[in-house]
PDB file of N, CA and C in Angstrom:
ATOM      1  N   UNK A   1       0.795  -1.163   0.034  1.00  0.00           N
ATOM      2  CA  UNK A   1      -0.006  -0.028  -0.036  1.00  0.00           C
ATOM      3  C   UNK A   1       0.849   1.270  -0.054  1.00  0.00           C
ATOM      4  N   UNK A   2       0.517   2.110  -0.861  1.00  0.00           N
ATOM      5  CA  UNK A   2       1.398   3.573  -0.954  1.00  0.00           C
ATOM      6  C   UNK A   2       1.203   4.283   0.310  1.00  0.00           C
ATOM      7  N   UNK A   3       2.220   4.804   0.731  1.00  0.00           N
ATOM      8  CA  UNK A   3       2.305   5.721   1.900  1.00  0.00           C
ATOM      9  C   UNK A   3       2.660   7.023   1.518  1.00  0.00           C
ATOM     10  N   UNK A   4       2.289   7.954   2.358  1.00  0.00           N
ATOM     11  CA  UNK A   4       2.604   9.466   1.929  1.00  0.00           C
ATOM     12  C   UNK A   4       3.138  10.179   3.225  1.00  0.00           C
ATOM     13  N   UNK A   5       3.956  11.202   2.969  1.00  0.00           N
ATOM     14  CA  UNK A   5       4.287  12.208   3.987  1.00  0.00           C
ATOM     15  C   UNK A   5       3.724  13.446   3.610  1.00  0.00           C
ATOM     16  N   UNK A   6       3.506  14.246   4.684  1.00  0.00           N
ATOM     17  CA  UNK A   6       2.780  15.568   4.467  1.00  0.00           C
ATOM     18  C   UNK A   6       3.545  16.729   4.942  1.00  0.00           C
ATOM     19  N   UNK A   7       3.398  17.903   4.374  1.00  0.00           N
ATOM     20  CA  UNK A   7       4.214  19.067   4.728  1.00  0.00           C
ATOM     21  C   UNK A   7       3.171  20.329   4.631  1.00  0.00           C
ATOM     22  N   UNK A   8       3.232  21.228   5.647  1.00  0.00           N
ATOM     23  CA  UNK A   8       2.394  22.411   5.585  1.00  0.00           C
ATOM     24  C   UNK A   8       3.225  23.719   5.234  1.00  0.00           C
ATOM     25  N   UNK A   9       2.679  24.599   4.773  1.00  0.00           N
ATOM     26  CA  UNK A   9       3.389  25.794   4.288  1.00  0.00           C
ATOM     27  C   UNK A   9       2.390  27.096   4.484  1.00  0.00           C
ATOM     28  N   UNK A  10       2.843  27.886   5.547  1.00  0.00           N
ATOM     29  CA  UNK A  10       1.875  29.049   5.826  1.00  0.00           C
ATOM     30  C   UNK A  10       2.320  30.295   5.189  1.00  0.00           C
ATOM     31  N   UNK A  11       1.369  31.019   4.582  1.00  0.00           N
ATOM     32  CA  UNK A  11       1.619  32.248   3.953  1.00  0.00           C
ATOM     33  C   UNK A  11       0.743  33.394   4.622  1.00  0.00           C
ATOM     34  N   UNK A  12       1.539  34.246   5.207  1.00  0.00           N
ATOM     35  CA  UNK A  12       0.831  35.412   5.884  1.00  0.00           C
ATOM     36  C   UNK A  12      -0.004  36.241   4.907  1.00  0.00           C
ATOM     37  N   UNK A  13      -1.136  36.772   5.302  1.00  0.00           N
ATOM     38  CA  UNK A  13      -2.074  37.541   4.425  1.00  0.00           C
ATOM     39  C   UNK A  13      -2.117  38.833   5.052  1.00  0.00           C
ATOM     40  N   UNK A  14      -2.239  39.793   4.062  1.00  0.00           N
ATOM     41  CA  UNK A  14      -2.348  41.222   4.486  1.00  0.00           C
ATOM     42  C   UNK A  14      -3.776  41.458   4.957  1.00  0.00           C
ATOM     43  N   UNK A  15      -3.851  42.101   6.087  1.00  0.00           N
ATOM     44  CA  UNK A  15      -5.155  42.465   6.662  1.00  0.00           C
ATOM     45  C   UNK A  15      -5.276  44.024   6.339  1.00  0.00           C
ATOM     46  N   UNK A  16      -6.021  44.353   5.430  1.00  0.00           N
ATOM     47  CA  UNK A  16      -6.015  45.865   4.826  1.00  0.00           C
ATOM     48  C   UNK A  16      -6.563  46.865   5.903  1.00  0.00           C
ATOM     49  N   UNK A  17      -7.181  46.484   6.951  1.00  0.00           N
ATOM     50  CA  UNK A  17      -7.617  47.341   7.957  1.00  0.00           C
ATOM     51  C   UNK A  17      -6.572  47.630   9.033  1.00  0.00           C
ATOM     52  N   UNK A  18      -5.822  46.703   9.434  1.00  0.00           N
ATOM     53  CA  UNK A  18      -4.870  46.840  10.583  1.00  0.00           C
ATOM     54  C   UNK A  18      -3.457  46.583  10.326  1.00  0.00           C
ATOM     55  N   UNK A  19      -3.182  45.985   9.329  1.00  0.00           N
ATOM     56  CA  UNK A  19      -1.706  45.504   9.048  1.00  0.00           C
ATOM     57  C   UNK A  19      -1.039  46.518   8.098  1.00  0.00           C
ATOM     58  N   UNK A  20       0.227  46.652   8.378  1.00  0.00           N
ATOM     59  CA  UNK A  20       1.035  47.396   7.421  1.00  0.00           C
ATOM     60  C   UNK A  20       2.020  46.494   6.566  1.00  0.00           C
ATOM     61  N   UNK A  21       1.678  45.153   6.713  1.00  0.00           N
ATOM     62  CA  UNK A  21       2.370  44.089   5.756  1.00  0.00           C
ATOM     63  C   UNK A  21       2.364  44.436   4.379  1.00  0.00           C
ATOM     64  N   UNK A  22       3.334  44.125   3.583  1.00  0.00           N
ATOM     65  CA  UNK A  22       3.481  44.369   2.259  1.00  0.00           C
ATOM     66  C   UNK A  22       2.428  43.384   1.568  1.00  0.00           C
ATOM     67  N   UNK A  23       1.971  43.555   0.384  1.00  0.00           N
ATOM     68  CA  UNK A  23       1.233  42.624  -0.487  1.00  0.00           C
ATOM     69  C   UNK A  23       2.004  41.375  -0.672  1.00  0.00           C
ATOM     70  N   UNK A  24       1.433  40.253  -0.772  1.00  0.00           N
ATOM     71  CA  UNK A  24       1.933  38.855  -1.122  1.00  0.00           C
ATOM     72  C   UNK A  24       2.846  38.987  -2.419  1.00  0.00           C
ATOM     73  N   UNK A  25       4.078  38.491  -2.359  1.00  0.00           N
ATOM     74  CA  UNK A  25       4.783  38.555  -3.657  1.00  0.00           C
ATOM     75  C   UNK A  25       4.526  37.140  -4.307  1.00  0.00           C
ATOM     76  N   UNK A  26       3.623  37.305  -5.299  1.00  0.00           N
ATOM     77  CA  UNK A  26       3.077  36.120  -6.100  1.00  0.00           C
ATOM     78  C   UNK A  26       4.206  35.339  -6.795  1.00  0.00           C
ATOM     79  N   UNK A  27       5.113  36.110  -7.365  1.00  0.00           N
ATOM     80  CA  UNK A  27       6.229  35.416  -7.951  1.00  0.00           C
ATOM     81  C   UNK A  27       6.973  34.686  -7.041  1.00  0.00           C
ATOM     82  N   UNK A  28       7.317  35.146  -5.832  1.00  0.00           N
ATOM     83  CA  UNK A  28       8.069  34.247  -4.976  1.00  0.00           C
ATOM     84  C   UNK A  28       7.373  33.043  -4.507  1.00  0.00           C
ATOM     85  N   UNK A  29       5.949  33.244  -4.249  1.00  0.00           N
ATOM     86  CA  UNK A  29       5.234  32.037  -3.909  1.00  0.00           C
ATOM     87  C   UNK A  29       5.130  31.028  -4.976  1.00  0.00           C
ATOM     88  N   UNK A  30       4.988  31.508  -6.255  1.00  0.00           N
ATOM     89  CA  UNK A  30       5.082  30.609  -7.500  1.00  0.00           C
ATOM     90  C   UNK A  30       6.440  29.868  -7.515  1.00  0.00           C
ATOM     91  N   UNK A  31       7.547  30.622  -7.303  1.00  0.00           N
ATOM     92  CA  UNK A  31       8.770  29.924  -7.384  1.00  0.00           C
ATOM     93  C   UNK A  31       8.885  28.880  -6.377  1.00  0.00           C
ATOM     94  N   UNK A  32       8.377  29.140  -5.139  1.00  0.00           N
ATOM     95  CA  UNK A  32       8.521  28.095  -3.959  1.00  0.00           C
ATOM     96  C   UNK A  32       7.641  27.023  -4.433  1.00  0.00           C
ATOM     97  N   UNK A  33       6.403  27.208  -4.945  1.00  0.00           N
ATOM     98  CA  UNK A  33       5.524  26.064  -5.273  1.00  0.00           C
ATOM     99  C   UNK A  33       6.096  25.186  -6.373  1.00  0.00           C
ATOM    100  N   UNK A  34       6.893  25.805  -7.258  1.00  0.00           N
ATOM    101  CA  UNK A  34       7.477  25.042  -8.363  1.00  0.00           C
ATOM    102  C   UNK A  34       8.669  24.248  -7.882  1.00  0.00           C
ATOM    103  N   UNK A  35       9.524  24.809  -6.883  1.00  0.00           N
ATOM    104  CA  UNK A  35      10.566  24.137  -6.285  1.00  0.00           C
ATOM    105  C   UNK A  35      10.091  22.871  -5.471  1.00  0.00           C
ATOM    106  N   UNK A  36       8.923  22.966  -4.781  1.00  0.00           N
ATOM    107  CA  UNK A  36       8.394  21.903  -3.996  1.00  0.00           C
ATOM    108  C   UNK A  36       7.996  20.858  -5.016  1.00  0.00           C
ATOM    109  N   UNK A  37       7.321  21.351  -6.169  1.00  0.00           N
ATOM    110  CA  UNK A  37       6.912  20.163  -7.077  1.00  0.00           C
ATOM    111  C   UNK A  37       8.001  19.429  -7.723  1.00  0.00           C
ATOM    112  N   UNK A  38       9.133  20.236  -7.958  1.00  0.00           N
ATOM    113  CA  UNK A  38      10.435  19.619  -8.450  1.00  0.00           C
ATOM    114  C   UNK A  38      10.928  18.432  -7.530  1.00  0.00           C
ATOM    115  N   UNK A  39      10.816  18.634  -6.281  1.00  0.00           N
ATOM    116  CA  UNK A  39      11.302  17.674  -5.300  1.00  0.00           C
ATOM    117  C   UNK A  39      10.231  16.659  -4.876  1.00  0.00           C
ATOM    118  N   UNK A  40       9.068  16.599  -5.539  1.00  0.00           N
ATOM    119  CA  UNK A  40       8.091  15.483  -5.362  1.00  0.00           C
ATOM    120  C   UNK A  40       6.905  15.945  -4.493  1.00  0.00           C
ATOM    121  N   UNK A  41       6.764  17.155  -4.002  1.00  0.00           N
ATOM    122  CA  UNK A  41       5.627  17.552  -3.301  1.00  0.00           C
ATOM    123  C   UNK A  41       4.447  18.029  -4.140  1.00  0.00           C
ATOM    124  N   UNK A  42       3.261  17.501  -3.822  1.00  0.00           N
ATOM    125  CA  UNK A  42       2.075  17.776  -4.608  1.00  0.00           C
ATOM    126  C   UNK A  42       1.220  18.621  -3.680  1.00  0.00           C
ATOM    127  N   UNK A  43       0.651  19.848  -4.124  1.00  0.00           N
ATOM    128  CA  UNK A  43      -0.308  20.592  -3.340  1.00  0.00           C
ATOM    129  C   UNK A  43      -1.668  19.903  -3.332  1.00  0.00           C
ATOM    130  N   UNK A  44      -2.132  19.510  -2.182  1.00  0.00           N
ATOM    131  CA  UNK A  44      -3.417  18.759  -2.001  1.00  0.00           C
ATOM    132  C   UNK A  44      -4.639  19.674  -1.600  1.00  0.00           C
ATOM    133  N   UNK A  45      -4.229  20.699  -0.828  1.00  0.00           N
ATOM    134  CA  UNK A  45      -5.487  21.563  -0.493  1.00  0.00           C
ATOM    135  C   UNK A  45      -4.844  22.782   0.131  1.00  0.00           C
ATOM    136  N   UNK A  46      -5.657  23.904   0.295  1.00  0.00           N
ATOM    137  CA  UNK A  46      -5.320  25.067   0.923  1.00  0.00           C
ATOM    138  C   UNK A  46      -6.478  25.576   1.785  1.00  0.00           C
ATOM    139  N   UNK A  47      -6.360  26.255   2.691  1.00  0.00           N
ATOM    140  CA  UNK A  47      -7.412  26.930   3.546  1.00  0.00           C
ATOM    141  C   UNK A  47      -6.779  28.149   4.086  1.00  0.00           C
ATOM    142  N   UNK A  48      -7.751  28.973   4.647  1.00  0.00           N
ATOM    143  CA  UNK A  48      -7.241  30.219   5.306  1.00  0.00           C
ATOM    144  C   UNK A  48      -7.608  30.081   6.825  1.00  0.00           C
ATOM    145  N   UNK A  49      -6.691  30.635   7.711  1.00  0.00           N
ATOM    146  CA  UNK A  49      -7.013  30.612   9.167  1.00  0.00           C
ATOM    147  C   UNK A  49      -7.406  31.983   9.483  1.00  0.00           C
ATOM    148  N   UNK A  50      -8.477  32.197  10.340  1.00  0.00           N
ATOM    149  CA  UNK A  50      -8.985  33.481  10.582  1.00  0.00           C
ATOM    150  C   UNK A  50      -9.015  33.676  12.062  1.00  0.00           C
ATOM    151  N   UNK A  51      -8.933  35.092  12.400  1.00  0.00           N
ATOM    152  CA  UNK A  51      -8.939  35.492  13.720  1.00  0.00           C
ATOM    153  C   UNK A  51      -9.755  36.893  13.698  1.00  0.00           C
ATOM    154  N   UNK A  52     -10.716  36.954  14.642  1.00  0.00           N
ATOM    155  CA  UNK A  52     -11.652  38.093  14.587  1.00  0.00           C
ATOM    156  C   UNK A  52     -12.267  38.430  13.396  1.00  0.00           C
ATOM    157  N   UNK A  53     -12.593  37.564  12.528  1.00  0.00           N
ATOM    158  CA  UNK A  53     -13.294  37.592  11.223  1.00  0.00           C
ATOM    159  C   UNK A  53     -12.448  38.057  10.172  1.00  0.00           C
ATOM    160  N   UNK A  54     -11.059  37.993  10.375  1.00  0.00           N
ATOM    161  CA  UNK A  54     -10.212  38.232   9.170  1.00  0.00           C
ATOM    162  C   UNK A  54      -9.265  37.199   8.965  1.00  0.00           C
ATOM    163  N   UNK A  55      -8.929  37.036   7.690  1.00  0.00           N
ATOM    164  CA  UNK A  55      -8.048  35.996   7.321  1.00  0.00           C
ATOM    165  C   UNK A  55      -6.627  36.409   7.666  1.00  0.00           C
ATOM    166  N   UNK A  56      -5.864  35.557   8.427  1.00  0.00           N
ATOM    167  CA  UNK A  56      -4.498  35.821   8.905  1.00  0.00           C
ATOM    168  C   UNK A  56      -3.470  35.263   8.020  1.00  0.00           C
ATOM    169  N   UNK A  57      -3.709  33.973   7.658  1.00  0.00           N
ATOM    170  CA  UNK A  57      -2.775  33.293   6.666  1.00  0.00           C
ATOM    171  C   UNK A  57      -3.394  32.298   6.030  1.00  0.00           C
ATOM    172  N   UNK A  58      -2.762  31.803   5.010  1.00  0.00           N
ATOM    173  CA  UNK A  58      -3.257  30.627   4.073  1.00  0.00           C
ATOM    174  C   UNK A  58      -2.297  29.575   4.485  1.00  0.00           C
ATOM    175  N   UNK A  59      -2.882  28.337   4.694  1.00  0.00           N
ATOM    176  CA  UNK A  59      -2.224  27.170   4.894  1.00  0.00           C
ATOM    177  C   UNK A  59      -2.365  26.280   3.702  1.00  0.00           C
ATOM    178  N   UNK A  60      -1.143  25.905   3.056  1.00  0.00           N
ATOM    179  CA  UNK A  60      -1.037  25.001   1.997  1.00  0.00           C
ATOM    180  C   UNK A  60      -0.630  23.621   2.533  1.00  0.00           C
ATOM    181  N   UNK A  61      -1.232  22.585   2.082  1.00  0.00           N
ATOM    182  CA  UNK A  61      -0.929  21.300   2.512  1.00  0.00           C
ATOM    183  C   UNK A  61      -0.423  20.451   1.296  1.00  0.00           C
ATOM    184  N   UNK A  62       0.849  19.850   1.345  1.00  0.00           N
ATOM    185  CA  UNK A  62       1.410  19.094   0.321  1.00  0.00           C
ATOM    186  C   UNK A  62       1.559  17.643   0.881  1.00  0.00           C
ATOM    187  N   UNK A  63       1.728  16.792  -0.088  1.00  0.00           N
ATOM    188  CA  UNK A  63       1.889  15.421   0.126  1.00  0.00           C
ATOM    189  C   UNK A  63       2.839  14.897  -0.945  1.00  0.00           C
ATOM    190  N   UNK A  64       3.656  13.843  -0.617  1.00  0.00           N
ATOM    191  CA  UNK A  64       4.401  13.122  -1.562  1.00  0.00           C
ATOM    192  C   UNK A  64       4.651  11.656  -1.184  1.00  0.00           C
ATOM    193  N   UNK A  65       4.760  10.757  -2.161  1.00  0.00           N
ATOM    194  CA  UNK A  65       4.812   9.303  -1.614  1.00  0.00           C
ATOM    195  C   UNK A  65       6.125   9.065  -1.037  1.00  0.00           C
ATOM    196  N   UNK A  66       5.995   8.109  -0.153  1.00  0.00           N
ATOM    197  CA  UNK A  66       7.245   7.560   0.638  1.00  0.00           C
ATOM    198  C   UNK A  66       7.590   6.251  -0.152  1.00  0.00           C
ATOM    199  N   UNK A  67       8.847   6.215  -0.546  1.00  0.00           N
ATOM    200  CA  UNK A  67       9.351   5.091  -1.206  1.00  0.00           C
ATOM    201  C   UNK A  67       9.417   3.849  -0.190  1.00  0.00           C
ATOM    202  N   UNK A  68       8.761   2.862  -0.449  1.00  0.00           N
ATOM    203  CA  UNK A  68       8.831   1.638   0.350  1.00  0.00           C
ATOM    204  C   UNK A  68       9.853   0.743  -0.086  1.00  0.00           C
ATOM    205  N   UNK A  69      10.704   0.194   0.832  1.00  0.00           N
ATOM    206  CA  UNK A  69      11.815  -0.726   0.466  1.00  0.00           C
ATOM    207  C   UNK A  69      11.337  -2.183   0.694  1.00  0.00           C
ATOM    208  N   UNK A  70      11.752  -3.009  -0.156  1.00  0.00           N
ATOM    209  CA  UNK A  70      11.340  -4.374  -0.161  1.00  0.00           C
ATOM    210  C   UNK A  70      11.884  -5.101   1.122  1.00  0.00           C
ATOM    211  N   UNK A  71      11.141  -5.900   1.814  1.00  0.00           N
ATOM    212  CA  UNK A  71      11.501  -6.555   3.036  1.00  0.00           C
ATOM    213  C   UNK A  71      12.751  -7.372   2.863  1.00  0.00           C
ATOM    214  N   UNK A  72      13.069  -7.788   1.548  1.00  0.00           N
ATOM    215  CA  UNK A  72      14.224  -8.617   1.302  1.00  0.00           C
ATOM    216  C   UNK A  72      15.575  -7.805   1.541  1.00  0.00           C
ATOM    217  N   UNK A  73      15.372  -6.508   1.300  1.00  0.00           N
ATOM    218  CA  UNK A  73      16.553  -5.551   1.439  1.00  0.00           C
ATOM    219  C   UNK A  73      16.868  -5.347   2.884  1.00  0.00           C
ATOM    220  N   UNK A  74      15.959  -5.587   3.649  1.00  0.00           N
ATOM    221  CA  UNK A  74      16.130  -5.166   5.180  1.00  0.00           C
ATOM    222  C   UNK A  74      17.038  -6.088   6.018  1.00  0.00           C
ATOM    223  N   UNK A  75      17.908  -5.694   6.783  1.00  0.00           N
ATOM    224  CA  UNK A  75      18.727  -6.638   7.731  1.00  0.00           C
ATOM    225  C   UNK A  75      17.962  -7.261   8.877  1.00  0.00           C
TER     226      UNK A  75
END
């Protein structure tokens, strides 16, 4: 049976009313997503975390297969 490992990636979001954070750098995020894809991670889902009715950050969840070794190769 195929097994997977998982990784989360948090992206802070700008809260226009209260935050002075800069806008998201979409090119940097895209570069990071492409890098993760090249090393075998697949984006499975995303959601936002909220506080006081405002989105604080996006959570991206990735998975990739774990290579299983044959029991014949184990000591």
